[in-house]
Amino acid sequence: MQTVMQTLGPTTERQRHIVLDALRGLALLGIALANFPEFAL
């Protein structure tokens, strides 16, 4: 059980991949832009 507790938690700066974060942001922006016409109804 101790091993599981050590792996859970927020990621550290060293574990982050800036490129993946940017791609996720672009994907969310694309989803929002695609849904704007439906939000205007």
Protein backbone atom coordinates (compact mmCIF):
# COMPACT_ATOMS: atom_id res chain seq x y z
CA MET A 1 0.00 0.00 0.00
CA GLN A 2 2.91 2.33 0.68
CA THR A 3 4.07 2.16 -2.97
CA VAL A 4 0.63 3.23 -4.23
CA MET A 5 0.54 6.22 -1.90
CA GLN A 6 3.92 7.42 -3.16
CA THR A 7 2.82 7.41 -6.81
CA LEU A 8 -0.44 9.30 -6.23
CA GLY A 9 -0.43 13.09 -6.11
CA PRO A 10 0.20 16.13 -8.25
CA THR A 11 2.92 16.00 -10.85
CA THR A 12 6.15 17.81 -10.23
CA GLU A 13 7.63 20.37 -12.60
CA ARG A 14 10.11 17.76 -13.75
CA GLN A 15 7.33 15.37 -14.76
CA ARG A 16 5.41 17.98 -16.79
CA HIS A 17 5.72 18.10 -20.57
CA ILE A 18 5.03 21.61 -21.81
CA VAL A 19 4.31 20.45 -25.37
CA LEU A 20 1.60 18.07 -24.20
CA ASP A 21 0.06 20.80 -22.04
CA ALA A 22 0.00 23.12 -25.06
CA LEU A 23 -1.63 20.46 -27.23
CA ARG A 24 -4.27 19.83 -24.58
CA GLY A 25 -4.98 23.56 -24.46
CA LEU A 26 -5.35 23.73 -28.24
CA ALA A 27 -7.68 20.73 -28.19
CA LEU A 28 -9.89 22.37 -25.56
CA LEU A 29 -9.91 25.61 -27.55
CA GLY A 30 -10.96 23.71 -30.69
CA ILE A 31 -13.78 22.00 -28.82
CA ALA A 32 -14.99 25.32 -27.44
CA LEU A 33 -14.86 27.00 -30.87
CA ALA A 34 -16.73 24.11 -32.47
CA ASN A 35 -19.50 24.43 -29.89
CA PHE A 36 -19.93 28.22 -29.96
CA PRO A 37 -22.73 28.17 -32.58
CA GLU A 38 -24.72 25.80 -30.41
CA PHE A 39 -24.17 27.98 -27.35
CA ALA A 40 -25.62 30.96 -29.23
CA LEU A 41 -28.96 29.24 -29.78
